[in-house]
Amino acid sequence: MVDEEEIIRVAKLMKIDLEDHSEHVGRVKKMLEYFDILDQIDLSSEEITSQEKSLAELRKDEFVPHDKKLIESLKNFREHYVRAPKMN
């Protein structure tokens, strides 16, 4: 299934600095167990429902010009980037 080496490899690929990799092995295993449960569900007898809309029912796509650059009014805008909050 998932071992600590795989967690370390994925963390490096995602450029995430993890101090204790073993802590995350259990979490990933639990997530994969849930996916296994979902894969076992038989949906062949379920009816797929969908709502069709004609083009006349959709809203008209309109261009609305703005006087100022909206991105520059963001609180965390720096030069060409928007800073995102730190992830714990």
Protein backbone atom coordinates (compact mmCIF):
# COMPACT_ATOMS: atom_id res chain seq x y z
CA MET A 1 0.00 0.00 0.00
CA VAL A 2 1.62 3.28 1.11
CA ASP A 3 4.87 3.45 3.01
CA GLU A 4 6.98 6.24 4.44
CA GLU A 5 9.33 6.25 1.43
CA GLU A 6 6.44 7.07 -0.90
CA ILE A 7 5.32 9.91 1.37
CA ILE A 8 8.86 11.32 1.35
CA ARG A 9 9.05 11.05 -2.46
CA VAL A 10 5.68 12.75 -2.99
CA ALA A 11 6.55 15.48 -0.47
CA LYS A 12 9.77 16.20 -2.38
CA LEU A 13 7.90 16.31 -5.70
CA MET A 14 5.40 18.75 -4.22
CA LYS A 15 8.20 20.72 -2.55
CA ILE A 16 6.65 20.24 0.89
CA ASP A 17 8.98 20.14 3.89
CA LEU A 18 7.70 17.44 6.25
CA GLU A 19 9.53 16.84 9.50
CA ASP A 20 7.75 13.62 10.53
CA HIS A 21 6.80 11.57 7.47
CA SER A 22 5.50 8.62 9.49
CA GLU A 23 2.67 10.79 10.83
CA HIS A 24 1.24 11.15 7.32
CA VAL A 25 1.44 7.48 6.31
CA GLY A 26 -1.61 6.61 8.41
CA ARG A 27 -3.60 9.53 7.01
CA VAL A 28 -2.84 8.57 3.41
CA LYS A 29 -3.67 4.91 4.08
CA LYS A 30 -7.03 5.92 5.55
CA MET A 31 -7.82 8.10 2.51
CA LEU A 32 -6.95 5.26 0.14
CA GLU A 33 -9.19 2.89 2.13
CA TYR A 34 -12.09 5.29 1.56
CA PHE A 35 -11.34 5.33 -2.18
CA ASP A 36 -11.34 1.50 -2.17
CA ILE A 37 -14.78 1.54 -0.55
CA LEU A 38 -16.07 3.96 -3.19
CA ASP A 39 -14.61 1.80 -5.97
CA GLN A 40 -16.59 -1.22 -4.70
CA ILE A 41 -19.96 0.52 -5.02
CA ASP A 42 -22.09 -0.87 -7.84
CA LEU A 43 -23.76 2.01 -9.63
CA SER A 44 -24.91 0.06 -12.68
CA SER A 45 -28.52 0.05 -11.47
CA GLU A 46 -28.54 3.80 -10.75
CA GLU A 47 -30.16 6.14 -13.22
CA ILE A 48 -28.04 9.08 -14.28
CA THR A 49 -30.05 12.28 -14.23
CA SER A 50 -29.12 15.42 -16.03
CA GLN A 51 -30.73 18.74 -16.71
CA GLU A 52 -30.58 20.00 -20.24
CA LYS A 53 -30.81 23.71 -20.92
CA SER A 54 -31.25 25.41 -24.21
CA LEU A 55 -29.00 28.30 -25.21
CA ALA A 56 -31.92 30.67 -24.74
CA GLU A 57 -32.07 29.75 -21.02
CA LEU A 58 -28.44 30.64 -20.36
CA ARG A 59 -27.45 34.15 -19.31
CA LYS A 60 -25.98 36.44 -21.90
CA ASP A 61 -22.21 36.68 -21.65
CA GLU A 62 -21.35 40.37 -21.42
CA PHE A 63 -18.10 42.25 -21.04
CA VAL A 64 -18.26 44.79 -18.21
CA PRO A 65 -15.27 47.17 -18.26
CA HIS A 66 -13.79 48.45 -14.99
CA ASP A 67 -11.99 51.76 -14.48
CA LYS A 68 -9.23 50.41 -12.23
CA LYS A 69 -7.20 47.22 -12.15
CA LEU A 70 -9.01 44.93 -9.71
CA ILE A 71 -5.95 42.80 -8.93
CA GLU A 72 -4.10 45.82 -7.55
CA SER A 73 -6.85 46.41 -5.01
CA LEU A 74 -6.24 43.00 -3.42
CA LYS A 75 -4.79 43.09 0.09
CA ASN A 76 -1.95 40.61 -0.61
CA PHE A 77 -0.94 41.84 -4.07
CA ARG A 78 2.84 42.23 -4.47
CA GLU A 79 4.41 43.19 -7.83
CA HIS A 80 3.08 40.53 -10.22
CA TYR A 81 1.82 38.02 -7.64
CA VAL A 82 -0.95 37.53 -5.09
CA ARG A 83 0.35 36.07 -1.82
CA ALA A 84 -1.63 33.15 -0.47
CA PRO A 85 -1.92 32.41 3.26
CA LYS A 86 0.53 29.94 4.81
CA MET A 87 -0.63 26.35 4.91
CA ASN A 88 -0.07 24.43 8.13
